[in-house]
C-alpha atoms as a PDB file:
ATOM      1  CA  MET A   1      27.563   3.651  20.807  1.00  0.00           C
ATOM      2  CA  CYS A   2      26.092   5.268  17.724  1.00  0.00           C
ATOM      3  CA  SER A   3      25.703   9.020  17.575  1.00  0.00           C
ATOM      4  CA  ALA A   4      21.882   9.022  17.435  1.00  0.00           C
ATOM      5  CA  CYS A   5      21.265   6.050  19.709  1.00  0.00           C
ATOM      6  CA  PRO A   6      20.493   6.605  23.408  1.00  0.00           C
ATOM      7  CA  VAL A   7      21.080   2.888  24.058  1.00  0.00           C
ATOM      8  CA  PRO A   8      24.627   1.576  23.550  1.00  0.00           C
ATOM      9  CA  VAL A   9      24.536  -0.956  20.725  1.00  0.00           C
ATOM     10  CA  ALA A  10      26.678  -3.341  22.808  1.00  0.00           C
ATOM     11  CA  ALA A  11      24.030  -3.257  25.568  1.00  0.00           C
ATOM     12  CA  VAL A  12      21.355  -4.555  23.190  1.00  0.00           C
ATOM     13  CA  ARG A  13      21.911  -8.286  23.549  1.00  0.00           C
ATOM     14  CA  PRO A  14      18.581 -10.050  23.859  1.00  0.00           C
ATOM     15  CA  GLY A  15      18.749 -13.773  24.473  1.00  0.00           C
ATOM     16  CA  SER A  16      16.138 -15.173  22.102  1.00  0.00           C
ATOM     17  CA  LEU A  17      16.861 -15.975  18.473  1.00  0.00           C
ATOM     18  CA  PRO A  18      13.873 -13.957  17.118  1.00  0.00           C
ATOM     19  CA  ALA A  19      15.004 -10.897  19.079  1.00  0.00           C
ATOM     20  CA  ARG A  20      18.563 -11.244  17.770  1.00  0.00           C
ATOM     21  CA  MET A  21      17.210 -11.550  14.214  1.00  0.00           C
ATOM     22  CA  LEU A  22      15.156  -8.361  14.620  1.00  0.00           C
ATOM     23  CA  ILE A  23      18.187  -6.558  16.049  1.00  0.00           C
ATOM     24  CA  GLY A  24      20.177  -7.758  13.020  1.00  0.00           C
ATOM     25  CA  LEU A  25      17.553  -6.383  10.638  1.00  0.00           C
ATOM     26  CA  VAL A  26      17.545  -3.009  12.400  1.00  0.00           C
ATOM     27  CA  MET A  27      21.347  -2.872  12.308  1.00  0.00           C
ATOM     28  CA  LEU A  28      21.351  -3.827   8.620  1.00  0.00           C
ATOM     29  CA  TYR A  29      18.919  -0.979   7.920  1.00  0.00           C
ATOM     30  CA  ARG A  30      20.953   1.416  10.039  1.00  0.00           C
ATOM     31  CA  TYR A  31      24.278   0.743   8.296  1.00  0.00           C
ATOM     32  CA  VAL A  32      23.135  -0.003   4.711  1.00  0.00           C
ATOM     33  CA  LEU A  33      19.891   1.831   3.892  1.00  0.00           C
ATOM     34  CA  SER A  34      19.844   4.734   6.322  1.00  0.00           C
ATOM     35  CA  PRO A  35      23.008   6.419   4.957  1.00  0.00           C
ATOM     36  CA  LEU A  36      21.494   6.299   1.462  1.00  0.00           C
ATOM     37  CA  LEU A  37      18.188   7.843   2.572  1.00  0.00           C
ATOM     38  CA  GLY A  38      19.600  10.583   4.780  1.00  0.00           C
ATOM     39  CA  PRO A  39      18.083  11.985   7.989  1.00  0.00           C
ATOM     40  CA  ARG A  40      14.293  11.797   7.769  1.00  0.00           C
ATOM     41  CA  CYS A  41      13.115  10.938  11.265  1.00  0.00           C
ATOM     42  CA  ARG A  42      10.306  13.011  12.751  1.00  0.00           C
ATOM     43  CA  PHE A  43      10.656  11.664  16.279  1.00  0.00           C
ATOM     44  CA  VAL A  44      13.252  11.542  19.032  1.00  0.00           C
ATOM     45  CA  PRO A  45      14.748   8.931  19.392  1.00  0.00           C
ATOM     46  CA  THR A  46      14.993   7.825  15.783  1.00  0.00           C
ATOM     47  CA  CYS A  47      12.893   4.857  14.696  1.00  0.00           C
ATOM     48  CA  SER A  48      15.897   2.509  14.580  1.00  0.00           C
ATOM     49  CA  SER A  49      16.976   3.572  18.088  1.00  0.00           C
ATOM     50  CA  TYR A  50      13.393   3.117  19.265  1.00  0.00           C
ATOM     51  CA  ALA A  51      13.330  -0.380  17.768  1.00  0.00           C
ATOM     52  CA  LEU A  52      16.606  -1.389  19.437  1.00  0.00           C
ATOM     53  CA  GLU A  53      15.443  -0.099  22.804  1.00  0.00           C
ATOM     54  CA  ALA A  54      11.974  -1.675  22.554  1.00  0.00           C
ATOM     55  CA  ILE A  55      13.322  -5.086  21.527  1.00  0.00           C
ATOM     56  CA  ALA A  56      15.991  -5.000  24.255  1.00  0.00           C
ATOM     57  CA  LYS A  57      13.421  -4.014  26.880  1.00  0.00           C
ATOM     58  CA  TYR A  58      10.428  -6.165  25.895  1.00  0.00           C
ATOM     59  CA  GLY A  59      11.755  -8.922  23.611  1.00  0.00           C
ATOM     60  CA  ALA A  60      10.907  -9.803  20.032  1.00  0.00           C
ATOM     61  CA  LEU A  61       7.121 -10.014  20.212  1.00  0.00           C
ATOM     62  CA  LYS A  62       6.122  -6.912  22.189  1.00  0.00           C
ATOM     63  CA  GLY A  63       9.200  -4.917  21.107  1.00  0.00           C
ATOM     64  CA  GLY A  64       8.482  -5.766  17.473  1.00  0.00           C
ATOM     65  CA  TRP A  65       4.850  -4.733  17.895  1.00  0.00           C
ATOM     66  CA  LEU A  66       5.842  -1.407  19.470  1.00  0.00           C
ATOM     67  CA  THR A  67       8.265  -0.820  16.597  1.00  0.00           C
ATOM     68  CA  ILE A  68       5.581  -1.522  13.974  1.00  0.00           C
ATOM     69  CA  ARG A  69       3.212   0.888  15.745  1.00  0.00           C
ATOM     70  CA  ARG A  70       5.925   3.549  15.777  1.00  0.00           C
ATOM     71  CA  LEU A  71       6.693   3.070  12.068  1.00  0.00           C
ATOM     72  CA  CYS A  72       2.987   3.420  11.255  1.00  0.00           C
ATOM     73  CA  ARG A  73       2.930   6.806  13.028  1.00  0.00           C
ATOM     74  CA  CYS A  74       5.858   8.054  10.942  1.00  0.00           C
ATOM     75  CA  HIS A  75       4.135   9.757   8.004  1.00  0.00           C
ATOM     76  CA  PRO A  76       3.693  13.361   6.809  1.00  0.00           C
ATOM     77  CA  TRP A  77       0.492  13.855   8.798  1.00  0.00           C
ATOM     78  CA  GLY A  78       1.797  12.160  11.934  1.00  0.00           C
ATOM     79  CA  GLY A  79       3.250  13.710  15.031  1.00  0.00           C
ATOM     80  CA  THR A  80       6.743  14.931  15.770  1.00  0.00           C
ATOM     81  CA  GLY A  81       8.980  15.379  18.792  1.00  0.00           C
ATOM     82  CA  PRO A  82       9.791  13.098  21.701  1.00  0.00           C
ATOM     83  CA  ASP A  83       8.301   9.608  21.628  1.00  0.00           C
ATOM     84  CA  PRO A  84      10.146   7.357  24.111  1.00  0.00           C
ATOM     85  CA  VAL A  85       9.638   3.624  24.519  1.00  0.00           C
ATOM     86  CA  PRO A  86       6.913   3.111  27.158  1.00  0.00           C
END
């Protein structure tokens, strides 16, 4: 389990190939790019944790859409604070 992730990474095992590919992209971001950028998230849980949870809960299509919507809200004039997966 990662320190900022409410969902254990081992528990995120969707069955479909597109969902596994999206999970792989999120994990690649989390371990390669995120350490270089530093902590910048405005919401709780972080966007990568949100993406993992949404894809695990809803699959690649709806979980991916929820993740894109969340990323679009993450800007200087956007909100802050708790924003759980619906």
